[in-house]
PDB file of N, CA and C in Angstrom:
ATOM      1  N   MET A   1       2.575 -44.713 -26.815  1.00  0.00           N
ATOM      2  CA  MET A   1       3.498 -44.514 -25.714  1.00  0.00           C
ATOM      3  C   MET A   1       4.335 -43.250 -25.920  1.00  0.00           C
ATOM      4  N   ILE A   2       4.917 -43.060 -27.093  1.00  0.00           N
ATOM      5  CA  ILE A   2       5.734 -41.877 -27.378  1.00  0.00           C
ATOM      6  C   ILE A   2       4.865 -40.625 -27.358  1.00  0.00           C
ATOM      7  N   ILE A   3       3.669 -40.696 -27.902  1.00  0.00           N
ATOM      8  CA  ILE A   3       2.778 -39.534 -27.949  1.00  0.00           C
ATOM      9  C   ILE A   3       2.384 -39.126 -26.537  1.00  0.00           C
ATOM     10  N   THR A   4       2.180 -40.066 -25.657  1.00  0.00           N
ATOM     11  CA  THR A   4       1.843 -39.757 -24.267  1.00  0.00           C
ATOM     12  C   THR A   4       3.006 -39.036 -23.583  1.00  0.00           C
ATOM     13  N   THR A   5       4.222 -39.503 -23.817  1.00  0.00           N
ATOM     14  CA  THR A   5       5.402 -38.874 -23.217  1.00  0.00           C
ATOM     15  C   THR A   5       5.572 -37.444 -23.739  1.00  0.00           C
ATOM     16  N   ILE A   6       5.396 -37.267 -25.048  1.00  0.00           N
ATOM     17  CA  ILE A   6       5.511 -35.917 -25.632  1.00  0.00           C
ATOM     18  C   ILE A   6       4.428 -35.003 -25.057  1.00  0.00           C
ATOM     19  N   GLY A   7       3.236 -35.518 -24.853  1.00  0.00           N
ATOM     20  CA  GLY A   7       2.149 -34.738 -24.258  1.00  0.00           C
ATOM     21  C   GLY A   7       2.486 -34.299 -22.846  1.00  0.00           C
ATOM     22  N   TRP A   8       3.053 -35.214 -22.037  1.00  0.00           N
ATOM     23  CA  TRP A   8       3.439 -34.859 -20.671  1.00  0.00           C
ATOM     24  C   TRP A   8       4.565 -33.823 -20.650  1.00  0.00           C
ATOM     25  N   VAL A   9       5.496 -33.938 -21.597  1.00  0.00           N
ATOM     26  CA  VAL A   9       6.593 -32.953 -21.667  1.00  0.00           C
ATOM     27  C   VAL A   9       6.028 -31.572 -21.993  1.00  0.00           C
ATOM     28  N   TRP A  10       5.135 -31.481 -22.974  1.00  0.00           N
ATOM     29  CA  TRP A  10       4.523 -30.199 -23.324  1.00  0.00           C
ATOM     30  C   TRP A  10       3.702 -29.640 -22.167  1.00  0.00           C
ATOM     31  N   MET A  11       3.005 -30.533 -21.467  1.00  0.00           N
ATOM     32  CA  MET A  11       2.229 -30.096 -20.306  1.00  0.00           C
ATOM     33  C   MET A  11       3.150 -29.509 -19.234  1.00  0.00           C
ATOM     34  N   GLY A  12       4.298 -30.148 -19.019  1.00  0.00           N
ATOM     35  CA  GLY A  12       5.278 -29.635 -18.047  1.00  0.00           C
ATOM     36  C   GLY A  12       5.848 -28.293 -18.455  1.00  0.00           C
ATOM     37  N   ILE A  13       6.119 -28.142 -19.754  1.00  0.00           N
ATOM     38  CA  ILE A  13       6.656 -26.869 -20.252  1.00  0.00           C
ATOM     39  C   ILE A  13       5.634 -25.757 -20.063  1.00  0.00           C
ATOM     40  N   VAL A  14       4.385 -26.001 -20.386  1.00  0.00           N
ATOM     41  CA  VAL A  14       3.340 -24.986 -20.251  1.00  0.00           C
ATOM     42  C   VAL A  14       3.142 -24.614 -18.789  1.00  0.00           C
ATOM     43  N   ILE A  15       3.032 -25.614 -17.913  1.00  0.00           N
ATOM     44  CA  ILE A  15       2.839 -25.331 -16.481  1.00  0.00           C
ATOM     45  C   ILE A  15       4.053 -24.606 -15.906  1.00  0.00           C
ATOM     46  N   GLY A  16       5.255 -25.000 -16.314  1.00  0.00           N
ATOM     47  CA  GLY A  16       6.474 -24.338 -15.838  1.00  0.00           C
ATOM     48  C   GLY A  16       6.556 -22.890 -16.287  1.00  0.00           C
ATOM     49  N   ALA A  17       6.160 -22.647 -17.534  1.00  0.00           N
ATOM     50  CA  ALA A  17       6.192 -21.269 -18.036  1.00  0.00           C
ATOM     51  C   ALA A  17       5.200 -20.393 -17.277  1.00  0.00           C
ATOM     52  N   ILE A  18       4.013 -20.909 -17.043  1.00  0.00           N
ATOM     53  CA  ILE A  18       2.999 -20.143 -16.298  1.00  0.00           C
ATOM     54  C   ILE A  18       3.472 -19.881 -14.877  1.00  0.00           C
ATOM     55  N   ALA A  19       4.037 -20.903 -14.233  1.00  0.00           N
ATOM     56  CA  ALA A  19       4.534 -20.722 -12.862  1.00  0.00           C
ATOM     57  C   ALA A  19       5.679 -19.714 -12.831  1.00  0.00           C
ATOM     58  N   GLY A  20       6.572 -19.743 -13.824  1.00  0.00           N
ATOM     59  CA  GLY A  20       7.684 -18.793 -13.887  1.00  0.00           C
ATOM     60  C   GLY A  20       7.208 -17.364 -14.040  1.00  0.00           C
ATOM     61  N   ILE A  21       6.197 -17.168 -14.875  1.00  0.00           N
ATOM     62  CA  ILE A  21       5.649 -15.822 -15.072  1.00  0.00           C
ATOM     63  C   ILE A  21       5.014 -15.317 -13.783  1.00  0.00           C
ATOM     64  N   VAL A  22       4.280 -16.188 -13.097  1.00  0.00           N
ATOM     65  CA  VAL A  22       3.625 -15.783 -11.846  1.00  0.00           C
ATOM     66  C   VAL A  22       4.660 -15.433 -10.777  1.00  0.00           C
ATOM     67  N   VAL A  23       5.691 -16.264 -10.629  1.00  0.00           N
ATOM     68  CA  VAL A  23       6.717 -16.015  -9.608  1.00  0.00           C
ATOM     69  C   VAL A  23       7.479 -14.734  -9.916  1.00  0.00           C
ATOM     70  N   SER A  24       7.855 -14.522 -11.177  1.00  0.00           N
ATOM     71  CA  SER A  24       8.589 -13.294 -11.510  1.00  0.00           C
ATOM     72  C   SER A  24       7.709 -12.062 -11.306  1.00  0.00           C
ATOM     73  N   GLY A  25       6.416 -12.174 -11.564  1.00  0.00           N
ATOM     74  CA  GLY A  25       5.504 -11.054 -11.310  1.00  0.00           C
ATOM     75  C   GLY A  25       5.400 -10.727  -9.835  1.00  0.00           C
ATOM     76  N   ILE A  26       5.335 -11.752  -9.004  1.00  0.00           N
ATOM     77  CA  ILE A  26       5.250 -11.533  -7.551  1.00  0.00           C
ATOM     78  C   ILE A  26       6.528 -10.891  -7.030  1.00  0.00           C
ATOM     79  N   LEU A  27       7.678 -11.362  -7.504  1.00  0.00           N
ATOM     80  CA  LEU A  27       8.950 -10.812  -7.033  1.00  0.00           C
ATOM     81  C   LEU A  27       9.149  -9.373  -7.492  1.00  0.00           C
ATOM     82  N   ASN A  28       8.733  -9.069  -8.691  1.00  0.00           N
ATOM     83  CA  ASN A  28       8.925  -7.711  -9.217  1.00  0.00           C
ATOM     84  C   ASN A  28       7.908  -6.717  -8.675  1.00  0.00           C
ATOM     85  N   SER A  29       6.780  -7.184  -8.175  1.00  0.00           N
ATOM     86  CA  SER A  29       5.781  -6.248  -7.642  1.00  0.00           C
ATOM     87  C   SER A  29       6.311  -5.542  -6.397  1.00  0.00           C
ATOM     88  N   GLY A  30       7.067  -6.226  -5.563  1.00  0.00           N
ATOM     89  CA  GLY A  30       7.661  -5.598  -4.383  1.00  0.00           C
ATOM     90  C   GLY A  30       8.679  -4.541  -4.766  1.00  0.00           C
ATOM     91  N   LYS A  31       9.502  -4.833  -5.764  1.00  0.00           N
ATOM     92  CA  LYS A  31      10.493  -3.855  -6.219  1.00  0.00           C
ATOM     93  C   LYS A  31       9.807  -2.625  -6.803  1.00  0.00           C
ATOM     94  N   GLN A  32       8.752  -2.850  -7.552  1.00  0.00           N
ATOM     95  CA  GLN A  32       8.053  -1.730  -8.174  1.00  0.00           C
ATOM     96  C   GLN A  32       7.414  -0.834  -7.113  1.00  0.00           C
ATOM     97  N   ALA A  33       6.859  -1.425  -6.068  1.00  0.00           N
ATOM     98  CA  ALA A  33       6.264  -0.627  -4.998  1.00  0.00           C
ATOM     99  C   ALA A  33       7.332   0.227  -4.313  1.00  0.00           C
ATOM    100  N   ASP A  34       8.509  -0.348  -4.089  1.00  0.00           N
ATOM    101  CA  ASP A  34       9.595   0.418  -3.474  1.00  0.00           C
ATOM    102  C   ASP A  34      10.030   1.576  -4.375  1.00  0.00           C
ATOM    103  N   LEU A  35      10.130   1.307  -5.673  1.00  0.00           N
ATOM    104  CA  LEU A  35      10.549   2.364  -6.598  1.00  0.00           C
ATOM    105  C   LEU A  35       9.510   3.477  -6.687  1.00  0.00           C
ATOM    106  N   GLU A  36       8.231   3.108  -6.661  1.00  0.00           N
ATOM    107  CA  GLU A  36       7.189   4.135  -6.695  1.00  0.00           C
ATOM    108  C   GLU A  36       7.207   4.980  -5.422  1.00  0.00           C
ATOM    109  N   ALA A  37       7.467   4.352  -4.274  1.00  0.00           N
ATOM    110  CA  ALA A  37       7.566   5.106  -3.022  1.00  0.00           C
ATOM    111  C   ALA A  37       8.751   6.070  -3.077  1.00  0.00           C
ATOM    112  N   GLU A  38       9.866   5.615  -3.650  1.00  0.00           N
ATOM    113  CA  GLU A  38      11.036   6.487  -3.766  1.00  0.00           C
ATOM    114  C   GLU A  38      10.757   7.656  -4.706  1.00  0.00           C
ATOM    115  N   ILE A  39      10.017   7.400  -5.782  1.00  0.00           N
ATOM    116  CA  ILE A  39       9.662   8.474  -6.713  1.00  0.00           C
ATOM    117  C   ILE A  39       8.827   9.528  -6.007  1.00  0.00           C
ATOM    118  N   HIS A  40       7.840   9.103  -5.221  1.00  0.00           N
ATOM    119  CA  HIS A  40       7.000  10.068  -4.499  1.00  0.00           C
ATOM    120  C   HIS A  40       7.833  10.868  -3.501  1.00  0.00           C
ATOM    121  N   HIS A  41       8.770  10.205  -2.827  1.00  0.00           N
ATOM    122  CA  HIS A  41       9.629  10.901  -1.867  1.00  0.00           C
ATOM    123  C   HIS A  41      10.494  11.937  -2.587  1.00  0.00           C
ATOM    124  N   LEU A  42      11.072  11.553  -3.726  1.00  0.00           N
ATOM    125  CA  LEU A  42      11.933  12.484  -4.456  1.00  0.00           C
ATOM    126  C   LEU A  42      11.143  13.656  -5.017  1.00  0.00           C
ATOM    127  N   LYS A  43       9.906  13.429  -5.424  1.00  0.00           N
ATOM    128  CA  LYS A  43       9.066  14.540  -5.889  1.00  0.00           C
ATOM    129  C   LYS A  43       8.783  15.507  -4.748  1.00  0.00           C
ATOM    130  N   PHE A  44       8.541  14.967  -3.546  1.00  0.00           N
ATOM    131  CA  PHE A  44       8.306  15.822  -2.381  1.00  0.00           C
ATOM    132  C   PHE A  44       9.549  16.648  -2.071  1.00  0.00           C
ATOM    133  N   VAL A  45      10.723  16.023  -2.105  1.00  0.00           N
ATOM    134  CA  VAL A  45      11.973  16.731  -1.824  1.00  0.00           C
ATOM    135  C   VAL A  45      12.211  17.819  -2.869  1.00  0.00           C
ATOM    136  N   ARG A  46      11.944  17.500  -4.139  1.00  0.00           N
ATOM    137  CA  ARG A  46      12.132  18.486  -5.203  1.00  0.00           C
ATOM    138  C   ARG A  46      11.229  19.695  -5.002  1.00  0.00           C
ATOM    139  N   GLU A  47       9.972  19.459  -4.676  1.00  0.00           N
ATOM    140  CA  GLU A  47       9.045  20.574  -4.449  1.00  0.00           C
ATOM    141  C   GLU A  47       9.475  21.406  -3.240  1.00  0.00           C
ATOM    142  N   SER A  48       9.944  20.739  -2.192  1.00  0.00           N
ATOM    143  CA  SER A  48      10.408  21.462  -1.005  1.00  0.00           C
ATOM    144  C   SER A  48      11.604  22.344  -1.339  1.00  0.00           C
ATOM    145  N   LEU A  49      12.527  21.800  -2.118  1.00  0.00           N
ATOM    146  CA  LEU A  49      13.701  22.591  -2.491  1.00  0.00           C
ATOM    147  C   LEU A  49      13.329  23.752  -3.411  1.00  0.00           C
ATOM    148  N   LYS A  50      12.375  23.538  -4.301  1.00  0.00           N
ATOM    149  CA  LYS A  50      11.910  24.636  -5.153  1.00  0.00           C
ATOM    150  C   LYS A  50      11.315  25.749  -4.313  1.00  0.00           C
ATOM    151  N   ASP A  51      10.498  25.371  -3.322  1.00  0.00           N
ATOM    152  CA  ASP A  51       9.910  26.381  -2.441  1.00  0.00           C
ATOM    153  C   ASP A  51      10.987  27.130  -1.672  1.00  0.00           C
ATOM    154  N   GLU A  52      12.004  26.400  -1.218  1.00  0.00           N
ATOM    155  CA  GLU A  52      13.091  27.035  -0.466  1.00  0.00           C
ATOM    156  C   GLU A  52      13.858  28.017  -1.351  1.00  0.00           C
ATOM    157  N   ILE A  53      14.153  27.636  -2.570  1.00  0.00           N
ATOM    158  CA  ILE A  53      14.857  28.530  -3.496  1.00  0.00           C
ATOM    159  C   ILE A  53      14.007  29.759  -3.786  1.00  0.00           C
ATOM    160  N   PHE A  54      12.722  29.551  -4.028  1.00  0.00           N
ATOM    161  CA  PHE A  54      11.834  30.671  -4.299  1.00  0.00           C
ATOM    162  C   PHE A  54      11.777  31.621  -3.113  1.00  0.00           C
ATOM    163  N   ARG A  55      11.729  31.055  -1.899  1.00  0.00           N
ATOM    164  CA  ARG A  55      11.670  31.881  -0.694  1.00  0.00           C
ATOM    165  C   ARG A  55      12.956  32.681  -0.532  1.00  0.00           C
ATOM    166  N   LEU A  56      14.105  32.063  -0.801  1.00  0.00           N
ATOM    167  CA  LEU A  56      15.377  32.763  -0.644  1.00  0.00           C
ATOM    168  C   LEU A  56      15.571  33.835  -1.720  1.00  0.00           C
ATOM    169  N   ASP A  57      15.071  33.590  -2.913  1.00  0.00           N
ATOM    170  CA  ASP A  57      15.218  34.576  -3.989  1.00  0.00           C
ATOM    171  C   ASP A  57      14.334  35.792  -3.774  1.00  0.00           C
ATOM    172  N   ASN A  58      13.229  35.640  -3.118  1.00  0.00           N
ATOM    173  CA  ASN A  58      12.273  36.737  -2.972  1.00  0.00           C
ATOM    174  C   ASN A  58      12.343  37.432  -1.617  1.00  0.00           C
ATOM    175  N   GLN A  59      13.435  37.278  -0.900  1.00  0.00           N
ATOM    176  CA  GLN A  59      13.562  37.977   0.372  1.00  0.00           C
ATOM    177  C   GLN A  59      13.814  39.459   0.115  1.00  0.00           C
ATOM    178  N   VAL A  60      13.197  40.273   0.938  1.00  0.00           N
ATOM    179  CA  VAL A  60      13.412  41.707   0.833  1.00  0.00           C
ATOM    180  C   VAL A  60      14.744  42.053   1.481  1.00  0.00           C
ATOM    181  N   LYS A  61      15.404  42.997   0.874  1.00  0.00           N
ATOM    182  CA  LYS A  61      16.676  43.412   1.440  1.00  0.00           C
ATOM    183  C   LYS A  61      16.399  44.234   2.687  1.00  0.00           C
ATOM    184  N   PRO A  62      17.281  44.144   3.674  1.00  0.00           N
ATOM    185  CA  PRO A  62      17.054  44.927   4.890  1.00  0.00           C
ATOM    186  C   PRO A  62      17.184  46.426   4.610  1.00  0.00           C
ATOM    187  N   LYS A  63      16.440  47.194   5.379  1.00  0.00           N
ATOM    188  CA  LYS A  63      16.457  48.644   5.230  1.00  0.00           C
ATOM    189  C   LYS A  63      17.816  49.166   5.714  1.00  0.00           C
ATOM    190  N   PRO A  64      18.430  50.059   4.957  1.00  0.00           N
ATOM    191  CA  PRO A  64      19.736  50.570   5.392  1.00  0.00           C
ATOM    192  C   PRO A  64      19.593  51.396   6.674  1.00  0.00           C
ATOM    193  N   ARG A  65      20.608  51.336   7.490  1.00  0.00           N
ATOM    194  CA  ARG A  65      20.564  52.085   8.750  1.00  0.00           C
ATOM    195  C   ARG A  65      20.737  53.576   8.473  1.00  0.00           C
ATOM    196  N   SER A  66      20.096  54.338   9.318  1.00  0.00           N
ATOM    197  CA  SER A  66      20.260  55.789   9.151  1.00  0.00           C
ATOM    198  C   SER A  66      21.630  56.186   9.715  1.00  0.00           C
ATOM    199  N   LYS A  67      22.237  57.149   9.068  1.00  0.00           N
ATOM    200  CA  LYS A  67      23.574  57.571   9.491  1.00  0.00           C
ATOM    201  C   LYS A  67      23.482  58.389  10.762  1.00  0.00           C
ATOM    202  N   ARG A  68      24.441  58.249  11.608  1.00  0.00           N
ATOM    203  CA  ARG A  68      24.474  59.021  12.844  1.00  0.00           C
ATOM    204  C   ARG A  68      24.851  60.458  12.533  1.00  0.00           C
ATOM    205  N   ARG A  69      24.256  61.317  13.245  1.00  0.00           N
ATOM    206  CA  ARG A  69      24.607  62.719  13.056  1.00  0.00           C
ATOM    207  C   ARG A  69      25.860  63.002  13.882  1.00  0.00           C
ATOM    208  N   GLY A  70      26.830  63.508  13.219  1.00  0.00           N
ATOM    209  CA  GLY A  70      28.145  63.704  13.822  1.00  0.00           C
ATOM    210  C   GLY A  70      28.178  64.741  14.932  1.00  0.00           C
ATOM    211  N   LYS A  71      29.300  64.795  15.607  1.00  0.00           N
ATOM    212  CA  LYS A  71      29.526  65.709  16.711  1.00  0.00           C
ATOM    213  C   LYS A  71      29.861  67.089  16.224  1.00  0.00           C
TER     214      LYS A  71
END
């Protein structure tokens, strides 16, 4: 009788642990997908800003105006 009860308790612990691992994995998979999407977005923004900085640094200076010939 006692051995049967101990067996059922161990069975409950094992099943509970497996169910807990599965549930926590399912809940964390959604968070991980959101974080990966944010990482891709931030990489895109970083590359865009790098291109913008590069474009602004490499602009040619405007040609100076020719002086007017005086009266």
